[in-house]
Protein backbone atom coordinates (compact mmCIF):
# COMPACT_ATOMS: atom_id res chain seq x y z
CA MET A 1 50.23 -14.69 -26.27
CA ASN A 2 47.59 -13.37 -28.63
CA LYS A 3 48.21 -9.69 -29.51
CA TYR A 4 44.45 -8.93 -29.43
CA PHE A 5 44.21 -10.37 -25.94
CA LEU A 6 47.09 -8.15 -24.79
CA LYS A 7 45.49 -5.05 -26.37
CA LYS A 8 42.22 -5.87 -24.61
CA GLN A 9 44.00 -6.17 -21.26
CA VAL A 10 45.76 -2.82 -21.78
CA LEU A 11 42.46 -1.12 -22.67
CA ILE A 12 40.79 -2.56 -19.55
CA LEU A 13 43.65 -1.30 -17.40
CA ILE A 14 43.44 2.19 -18.91
CA PHE A 15 39.66 2.21 -18.38
CA LEU A 16 40.04 1.23 -14.72
CA LEU A 17 42.64 3.94 -14.13
CA VAL A 18 40.40 6.59 -15.71
CA VAL A 19 37.35 5.49 -13.70
CA GLN A 20 39.36 5.48 -10.47
CA ASN A 21 40.42 9.09 -11.09
CA LEU A 22 36.89 10.19 -12.03
CA PHE A 23 35.36 8.82 -8.82
CA PRO A 24 37.95 9.23 -6.05
CA GLN A 25 37.01 8.32 -2.49
CA THR A 26 37.50 10.81 0.28
CA PHE A 27 37.49 10.13 3.99
CA THR A 28 36.58 12.57 6.75
CA GLU A 29 37.57 12.02 10.36
CA GLN A 30 34.51 11.77 12.59
CA THR A 31 35.64 13.80 15.59
CA GLY A 32 32.30 13.44 17.40
CA ILE A 33 32.88 9.72 17.99
CA SER A 34 34.88 8.97 21.12
CA LEU A 35 36.49 5.55 21.48
CA PRO A 36 38.84 4.55 24.30
CA ASP A 37 42.61 4.59 23.83
CA TYR A 38 43.87 1.01 23.90
CA LEU A 39 47.48 -0.13 23.88
CA VAL A 40 46.65 -3.40 22.16
CA ALA A 41 43.31 -3.71 20.40
CA SER A 42 41.18 -5.60 17.94
CA VAL A 43 38.36 -3.81 16.15
CA SER A 44 35.82 -4.86 13.54
CA TRP A 45 32.65 -3.52 11.92
CA GLY A 46 29.40 -5.47 11.79
CA ASP A 47 25.64 -4.90 11.97
CA TYR A 48 24.82 -6.96 15.07
CA ASP A 49 21.28 -5.54 15.40
CA ASN A 50 20.41 -5.71 11.68
CA ASP A 51 19.34 -2.05 11.51
CA GLY A 52 21.51 -1.20 8.49
CA ASP A 53 24.14 0.72 10.51
CA GLN A 54 27.63 -0.73 11.01
CA ASP A 55 28.33 -1.27 14.72
CA ILE A 56 31.79 -1.60 16.30
CA LEU A 57 33.27 -4.53 18.23
CA LEU A 58 36.34 -3.38 20.17
CA SER A 59 38.51 -5.42 22.50
CA GLY A 60 41.84 -4.71 24.10
CA SER A 61 43.71 -3.30 27.07
CA SER A 62 44.48 0.12 28.46
CA PHE A 63 46.33 1.46 31.49
CA ASP A 64 43.26 2.98 33.10
CA SER A 65 40.47 0.48 32.38
CA GLY A 66 42.23 -2.88 32.00
CA LEU A 67 40.92 -5.52 29.59
CA LYS A 68 37.59 -4.91 27.88
CA THR A 69 35.46 -6.08 25.00
CA ILE A 70 32.82 -3.55 24.04
CA ILE A 71 30.07 -3.31 21.43
CA TYR A 72 29.26 0.20 20.25
CA ARG A 73 25.75 0.31 18.75
CA ASN A 74 25.48 2.71 15.83
CA ASP A 75 22.15 4.55 15.62
CA SER A 76 22.44 6.79 12.55
CA GLY A 77 26.01 7.82 13.41
CA VAL A 78 25.53 8.08 17.19
CA PHE A 79 27.50 5.35 18.99
CA SER A 80 26.53 4.02 22.42
CA ILE A 81 27.91 1.17 24.50
CA ILE A 82 25.66 -1.82 25.02
CA ASN A 83 26.02 -4.04 28.06
CA ALA A 84 26.81 -7.33 26.31
CA GLY A 85 28.66 -8.98 29.21
CA LEU A 86 31.59 -10.07 27.01
CA ALA A 87 34.91 -11.18 28.50
CA GLY A 88 37.67 -8.61 28.18
CA VAL A 89 40.63 -9.86 26.16
CA ASN A 90 43.98 -8.70 24.95
CA GLY A 91 43.84 -10.62 21.70
CA GLN A 92 41.42 -10.87 18.80
CA SER A 93 37.67 -10.46 18.38
CA SER A 94 35.51 -10.91 15.33
CA TRP A 95 31.90 -11.10 14.13
CA GLY A 96 30.42 -14.07 12.30
CA ASP A 97 27.09 -15.90 12.05
CA TYR A 98 28.08 -19.37 13.24
CA ASP A 99 24.48 -20.60 13.67
CA ASN A 100 23.12 -19.13 10.40
CA ASP A 101 20.23 -17.34 12.12
CA GLY A 102 20.88 -13.99 10.41
CA ASP A 103 22.47 -12.13 13.32
CA LEU A 104 26.15 -11.64 14.10
CA ASP A 105 27.74 -13.76 16.80
CA ILE A 106 31.18 -13.06 18.33
CA VAL A 107 34.38 -15.05 18.75
CA LEU A 108 37.01 -13.84 21.26
CA THR A 109 40.44 -15.26 21.85
CA GLY A 110 43.42 -14.05 23.85
CA ASN A 111 44.60 -13.22 27.34
CA SER A 112 41.74 -12.42 29.74
CA GLY A 113 44.04 -11.38 32.58
CA SER A 114 43.38 -14.67 34.37
CA GLY A 115 44.47 -16.90 31.49
CA ILE A 116 44.16 -17.59 27.79
CA ILE A 117 40.57 -17.97 26.57
CA SER A 118 38.65 -18.65 23.37
CA LYS A 119 34.90 -18.06 23.49
CA ILE A 120 31.97 -17.92 21.13
CA TYR A 121 29.01 -15.74 22.07
CA ARG A 122 25.65 -16.38 20.40
CA ASN A 123 23.56 -13.31 19.54
CA ASP A 124 19.89 -13.84 20.37
CA ALA A 125 18.17 -10.58 19.39
CA GLY A 126 21.04 -8.50 20.82
CA ASP A 127 21.48 -10.63 23.95
CA TYR A 128 24.90 -12.32 23.91
CA LYS A 129 25.38 -15.71 25.61
CA ASP A 130 28.63 -17.69 25.96
CA ILE A 131 27.85 -21.04 24.31
CA ASN A 132 30.72 -22.84 26.14
CA ALA A 133 31.97 -24.14 22.80
CA GLY A 134 35.06 -25.76 24.29
CA ILE A 135 37.31 -24.51 21.50
CA ALA A 136 41.06 -24.52 22.06
CA GLU A 137 42.61 -21.46 23.65
CA VAL A 138 44.81 -19.53 21.25
CA MET A 139 47.68 -17.45 22.57
CA GLU A 140 48.17 -13.96 21.15
CA GLU A 141 51.84 -14.72 20.55
CA PHE A 142 50.75 -16.65 17.45
CA PRO A 143 48.86 -14.03 15.38
CA GLY A 144 48.94 -16.11 12.19
CA VAL A 145 47.09 -18.90 13.93
CA ILE A 146 44.57 -16.45 15.39
CA MET A 147 43.94 -14.72 12.07
CA THR A 148 43.58 -18.06 10.26
CA MET A 149 41.07 -19.21 12.87
CA MET A 150 39.16 -15.89 12.65
CA GLU A 151 39.12 -15.86 8.83
CA THR A 152 37.96 -19.47 8.67
CA TRP A 153 35.24 -18.88 11.26
CA THR A 154 33.90 -15.67 9.70
CA SER A 155 33.81 -17.16 6.19
CA CYS A 156 31.46 -19.98 7.25
């Protein structure tokens, strides 16, 4: 290996370490935001209404409210539930723009309480519709398969 190449790599590493220490990131818990307590949950950020604020997609199960999938709209840091009519699942949920129309659609997969489901919901100006895609149901017992499906779908 070329000794100049190695020196260059060491200098880049030192530079990155210095920059990281000059501009550390800090996180502050937002105690004014109240989300439900779920035993098993999937959560992801996305701007479903294209207003520049990151909204929350949350699905899962709890003792008191059963299975739910909820979208929390973020309006400048104030979160409110929208009535999207999504199936509740104990599994995985994710955003993605499957139809390339510029707004975030949703894929859900997991146990709905009445069986295993996999659904895609199209976002039409904030109105979510099940497109009856006919995709294979994926059981939550196989998280690698679910995550591969989700990652493939959201990278399209």
